[in-house]
Amino acid sequence: MRRFQFVFEESEAREVEALAREYGLTEQAVLEQLVALGLEQVREDGSVEHATEH
């Protein structure tokens, strides 16, 4: 397993924490799901730039 580090803006961190509370998950679990969804979107759209425009 590899480890990455990402620094969030305060507003994004609060959103991750809120999602974790809402769904009874850890922040790490929320981040893993968000990354998986983002990677899926990139595969579907064919580019990172297109996927981050939303």
PDB file of N, CA and C in Angstrom:
ATOM      1  N   MET A   1       0.857  -1.166   0.000  1.00  0.00           N
ATOM      2  CA  MET A   1       0.000   0.000   0.000  1.00  0.00           C
ATOM      3  C   MET A   1       0.906   1.234   0.000  1.00  0.00           C
ATOM      4  N   ARG A   2       0.510   2.244  -0.754  1.00  0.00           N
ATOM      5  CA  ARG A   2       1.255   3.497  -0.800  1.00  0.00           C
ATOM      6  C   ARG A   2       0.511   4.577  -0.029  1.00  0.00           C
ATOM      7  N   ARG A   3       1.245   5.555   0.416  1.00  0.00           N
ATOM      8  CA  ARG A   3       0.671   6.631   1.214  1.00  0.00           C
ATOM      9  C   ARG A   3       0.876   7.956   0.477  1.00  0.00           C
ATOM     10  N   PHE A   4      -0.166   8.767   0.446  1.00  0.00           N
ATOM     11  CA  PHE A   4      -0.113  10.105  -0.128  1.00  0.00           C
ATOM     12  C   PHE A   4      -0.553  11.087   0.946  1.00  0.00           C
ATOM     13  N   GLN A   5      -0.117  12.315   0.808  1.00  0.00           N
ATOM     14  CA  GLN A   5      -0.528  13.356   1.738  1.00  0.00           C
ATOM     15  C   GLN A   5      -1.144  14.497   0.939  1.00  0.00           C
ATOM     16  N   PHE A   6      -2.245  15.021   1.455  1.00  0.00           N
ATOM     17  CA  PHE A   6      -2.941  16.111   0.791  1.00  0.00           C
ATOM     18  C   PHE A   6      -3.353  17.123   1.851  1.00  0.00           C
ATOM     19  N   VAL A   7      -3.142  18.390   1.586  1.00  0.00           N
ATOM     20  CA  VAL A   7      -3.530  19.440   2.518  1.00  0.00           C
ATOM     21  C   VAL A   7      -4.799  20.103   1.982  1.00  0.00           C
ATOM     22  N   PHE A   8      -5.823  20.159   2.835  1.00  0.00           N
ATOM     23  CA  PHE A   8      -7.123  20.696   2.443  1.00  0.00           C
ATOM     24  C   PHE A   8      -7.288  22.133   2.901  1.00  0.00           C
ATOM     25  N   GLU A   9      -8.061  22.884   2.150  1.00  0.00           N
ATOM     26  CA  GLU A   9      -8.559  24.164   2.632  1.00  0.00           C
ATOM     27  C   GLU A   9      -9.513  23.859   3.785  1.00  0.00           C
ATOM     28  N   GLU A  10      -9.664  24.797   4.689  1.00  0.00           N
ATOM     29  CA  GLU A  10     -10.507  24.576   5.870  1.00  0.00           C
ATOM     30  C   GLU A  10     -11.943  24.203   5.480  1.00  0.00           C
ATOM     31  N   SER A  11     -12.493  24.856   4.466  1.00  0.00           N
ATOM     32  CA  SER A  11     -13.877  24.566   4.059  1.00  0.00           C
ATOM     33  C   SER A  11     -14.009  23.137   3.532  1.00  0.00           C
ATOM     34  N   GLU A  12     -13.029  22.661   2.784  1.00  0.00           N
ATOM     35  CA  GLU A  12     -13.072  21.283   2.276  1.00  0.00           C
ATOM     36  C   GLU A  12     -12.936  20.286   3.413  1.00  0.00           C
ATOM     37  N   ALA A  13     -12.070  20.581   4.369  1.00  0.00           N
ATOM     38  CA  ALA A  13     -11.887  19.693   5.524  1.00  0.00           C
ATOM     39  C   ALA A  13     -13.190  19.564   6.307  1.00  0.00           C
ATOM     40  N   ARG A  14     -13.891  20.690   6.466  1.00  0.00           N
ATOM     41  CA  ARG A  14     -15.179  20.646   7.177  1.00  0.00           C
ATOM     42  C   ARG A  14     -16.199  19.799   6.424  1.00  0.00           C
ATOM     43  N   GLU A  15     -16.179  19.880   5.097  1.00  0.00           N
ATOM     44  CA  GLU A  15     -17.096  19.058   4.299  1.00  0.00           C
ATOM     45  C   GLU A  15     -16.796  17.572   4.469  1.00  0.00           C
ATOM     46  N   VAL A  16     -15.526  17.215   4.468  1.00  0.00           N
ATOM     47  CA  VAL A  16     -15.139  15.813   4.666  1.00  0.00           C
ATOM     48  C   VAL A  16     -15.589  15.347   6.050  1.00  0.00           C
ATOM     49  N   GLU A  17     -15.350  16.163   7.068  1.00  0.00           N
ATOM     50  CA  GLU A  17     -15.774  15.811   8.423  1.00  0.00           C
ATOM     51  C   GLU A  17     -17.287  15.664   8.511  1.00  0.00           C
ATOM     52  N   ALA A  18     -18.014  16.553   7.852  1.00  0.00           N
ATOM     53  CA  ALA A  18     -19.480  16.486   7.878  1.00  0.00           C
ATOM     54  C   ALA A  18     -19.981  15.214   7.202  1.00  0.00           C
ATOM     55  N   LEU A  19     -19.384  14.856   6.077  1.00  0.00           N
ATOM     56  CA  LEU A  19     -19.778  13.615   5.403  1.00  0.00           C
ATOM     57  C   LEU A  19     -19.494  12.408   6.285  1.00  0.00           C
ATOM     58  N   ALA A  20     -18.364  12.418   6.946  1.00  0.00           N
ATOM     59  CA  ALA A  20     -18.010  11.309   7.831  1.00  0.00           C
ATOM     60  C   ALA A  20     -19.043  11.166   8.954  1.00  0.00           C
ATOM     61  N   ARG A  21     -19.400  12.283   9.554  1.00  0.00           N
ATOM     62  CA  ARG A  21     -20.414  12.240  10.629  1.00  0.00           C
ATOM     63  C   ARG A  21     -21.758  11.766  10.091  1.00  0.00           C
ATOM     64  N   GLU A  22     -22.163  12.329   8.955  1.00  0.00           N
ATOM     65  CA  GLU A  22     -23.479  12.008   8.390  1.00  0.00           C
ATOM     66  C   GLU A  22     -23.631  10.523   8.086  1.00  0.00           C
ATOM     67  N   TYR A  23     -22.566   9.913   7.589  1.00  0.00           N
ATOM     68  CA  TYR A  23     -22.651   8.511   7.175  1.00  0.00           C
ATOM     69  C   TYR A  23     -21.985   7.543   8.147  1.00  0.00           C
ATOM     70  N   GLY A  24     -21.545   8.037   9.285  1.00  0.00           N
ATOM     71  CA  GLY A  24     -20.943   7.170  10.295  1.00  0.00           C
ATOM     72  C   GLY A  24     -19.649   6.530   9.823  1.00  0.00           C
ATOM     73  N   LEU A  25     -18.851   7.300   9.089  1.00  0.00           N
ATOM     74  CA  LEU A  25     -17.592   6.802   8.544  1.00  0.00           C
ATOM     75  C   LEU A  25     -16.430   7.575   9.148  1.00  0.00           C
ATOM     76  N   THR A  26     -15.240   7.065   8.929  1.00  0.00           N
ATOM     77  CA  THR A  26     -14.054   7.833   9.286  1.00  0.00           C
ATOM     78  C   THR A  26     -13.766   8.817   8.157  1.00  0.00           C
ATOM     79  N   GLU A  27     -12.988   9.834   8.483  1.00  0.00           N
ATOM     80  CA  GLU A  27     -12.577  10.776   7.446  1.00  0.00           C
ATOM     81  C   GLU A  27     -11.797  10.046   6.357  1.00  0.00           C
ATOM     82  N   GLN A  28     -10.978   9.083   6.761  1.00  0.00           N
ATOM     83  CA  GLN A  28     -10.201   8.325   5.782  1.00  0.00           C
ATOM     84  C   GLN A  28     -11.115   7.568   4.824  1.00  0.00           C
ATOM     85  N   ALA A  29     -12.173   6.969   5.335  1.00  0.00           N
ATOM     86  CA  ALA A  29     -13.104   6.234   4.476  1.00  0.00           C
ATOM     87  C   ALA A  29     -13.781   7.181   3.484  1.00  0.00           C
ATOM     88  N   VAL A  30     -14.143   8.368   3.952  1.00  0.00           N
ATOM     89  CA  VAL A  30     -14.758   9.360   3.058  1.00  0.00           C
ATOM     90  C   VAL A  30     -13.766   9.729   1.956  1.00  0.00           C
ATOM     91  N   LEU A  31     -12.522  10.011   2.326  1.00  0.00           N
ATOM     92  CA  LEU A  31     -11.510  10.388   1.339  1.00  0.00           C
ATOM     93  C   LEU A  31     -11.260   9.264   0.339  1.00  0.00           C
ATOM     94  N   GLU A  32     -11.223   8.026   0.804  1.00  0.00           N
ATOM     95  CA  GLU A  32     -11.034   6.890  -0.105  1.00  0.00           C
ATOM     96  C   GLU A  32     -12.165   6.823  -1.123  1.00  0.00           C
ATOM     97  N   GLN A  33     -13.400   7.050  -0.665  1.00  0.00           N
ATOM     98  CA  GLN A  33     -14.537   7.013  -1.582  1.00  0.00           C
ATOM     99  C   GLN A  33     -14.502   8.179  -2.566  1.00  0.00           C
ATOM    100  N   LEU A  34     -14.122   9.362  -2.082  1.00  0.00           N
ATOM    101  CA  LEU A  34     -14.038  10.522  -2.971  1.00  0.00           C
ATOM    102  C   LEU A  34     -12.969  10.325  -4.041  1.00  0.00           C
ATOM    103  N   VAL A  35     -11.844   9.763  -3.664  1.00  0.00           N
ATOM    104  CA  VAL A  35     -10.781   9.489  -4.639  1.00  0.00           C
ATOM    105  C   VAL A  35     -11.266   8.466  -5.655  1.00  0.00           C
ATOM    106  N   ALA A  36     -11.922   7.399  -5.181  1.00  0.00           N
ATOM    107  CA  ALA A  36     -12.427   6.374  -6.092  1.00  0.00           C
ATOM    108  C   ALA A  36     -13.427   6.969  -7.082  1.00  0.00           C
ATOM    109  N   LEU A  37     -14.327   7.814  -6.581  1.00  0.00           N
ATOM    110  CA  LEU A  37     -15.305   8.452  -7.468  1.00  0.00           C
ATOM    111  C   LEU A  37     -14.621   9.374  -8.471  1.00  0.00           C
ATOM    112  N   GLY A  38     -13.636  10.119  -8.008  1.00  0.00           N
ATOM    113  CA  GLY A  38     -12.906  11.012  -8.903  1.00  0.00           C
ATOM    114  C   GLY A  38     -12.151  10.254  -9.974  1.00  0.00           C
ATOM    115  N   LEU A  39     -11.504   9.155  -9.596  1.00  0.00           N
ATOM    116  CA  LEU A  39     -10.783   8.346 -10.580  1.00  0.00           C
ATOM    117  C   LEU A  39     -11.743   7.738 -11.597  1.00  0.00           C
ATOM    118  N   GLU A  40     -12.908   7.304 -11.131  1.00  0.00           N
ATOM    119  CA  GLU A  40     -13.915   6.765 -12.044  1.00  0.00           C
ATOM    120  C   GLU A  40     -14.349   7.828 -13.046  1.00  0.00           C
ATOM    121  N   GLN A  41     -14.553   9.049 -12.566  1.00  0.00           N
ATOM    122  CA  GLN A  41     -14.953  10.161 -13.436  1.00  0.00           C
ATOM    123  C   GLN A  41     -13.872  10.442 -14.476  1.00  0.00           C
ATOM    124  N   VAL A  42     -12.620  10.418 -14.064  1.00  0.00           N
ATOM    125  CA  VAL A  42     -11.514  10.658 -14.997  1.00  0.00           C
ATOM    126  C   VAL A  42     -11.489   9.575 -16.067  1.00  0.00           C
ATOM    127  N   ARG A  43     -11.684   8.325 -15.671  1.00  0.00           N
ATOM    128  CA  ARG A  43     -11.697   7.228 -16.655  1.00  0.00           C
ATOM    129  C   ARG A  43     -12.841   7.408 -17.646  1.00  0.00           C
ATOM    130  N   GLU A  44     -14.004   7.822 -17.169  1.00  0.00           N
ATOM    131  CA  GLU A  44     -15.161   8.013 -18.049  1.00  0.00           C
ATOM    132  C   GLU A  44     -14.974   9.187 -18.996  1.00  0.00           C
ATOM    133  N   ASP A  45     -14.434  10.287 -18.483  1.00  0.00           N
ATOM    134  CA  ASP A  45     -14.300  11.508 -19.274  1.00  0.00           C
ATOM    135  C   ASP A  45     -13.015  11.549 -20.085  1.00  0.00           C
ATOM    136  N   GLY A  46     -12.038  10.791 -19.676  1.00  0.00           N
ATOM    137  CA  GLY A  46     -10.795  10.729 -20.419  1.00  0.00           C
ATOM    138  C   GLY A  46      -9.765  11.787 -20.096  1.00  0.00           C
ATOM    139  N   SER A  47     -10.043  12.675 -19.137  1.00  0.00           N
ATOM    140  CA  SER A  47      -9.021  13.656 -18.772  1.00  0.00           C
ATOM    141  C   SER A  47      -9.269  14.184 -17.366  1.00  0.00           C
ATOM    142  N   VAL A  48      -8.191  14.553 -16.712  1.00  0.00           N
ATOM    143  CA  VAL A  48      -8.292  15.142 -15.389  1.00  0.00           C
ATOM    144  C   VAL A  48      -8.884  16.535 -15.481  1.00  0.00           C
ATOM    145  N   GLU A  49      -8.476  17.303 -16.486  1.00  0.00           N
ATOM    146  CA  GLU A  49      -8.973  18.654 -16.618  1.00  0.00           C
ATOM    147  C   GLU A  49     -10.484  18.690 -16.753  1.00  0.00           C
ATOM    148  N   HIS A  50     -11.041  17.818 -17.570  1.00  0.00           N
ATOM    149  CA  HIS A  50     -12.491  17.775 -17.769  1.00  0.00           C
ATOM    150  C   HIS A  50     -13.189  17.367 -16.479  1.00  0.00           C
ATOM    151  N   ALA A  51     -12.624  16.414 -15.769  1.00  0.00           N
ATOM    152  CA  ALA A  51     -13.258  15.918 -14.544  1.00  0.00           C
ATOM    153  C   ALA A  51     -13.247  16.956 -13.424  1.00  0.00           C
ATOM    154  N   THR A  52     -12.274  17.863 -13.426  1.00  0.00           N
ATOM    155  CA  THR A  52     -12.199  18.847 -12.354  1.00  0.00           C
ATOM    156  C   THR A  52     -12.957  20.120 -12.655  1.00  0.00           C
ATOM    157  N   GLU A  53     -13.579  20.230 -13.815  1.00  0.00           N
ATOM    158  CA  GLU A  53     -14.345  21.418 -14.166  1.00  0.00           C
ATOM    159  C   GLU A  53     -15.687  21.478 -13.480  1.00  0.00           C
ATOM    160  N   HIS A  54     -16.187  20.369 -12.934  1.00  0.00           N
ATOM    161  CA  HIS A  54     -17.524  20.298 -12.355  1.00  0.00           C
ATOM    162  C   HIS A  54     -17.625  21.029 -11.070  1.00  0.00           C
TER     163      HIS A  54
END
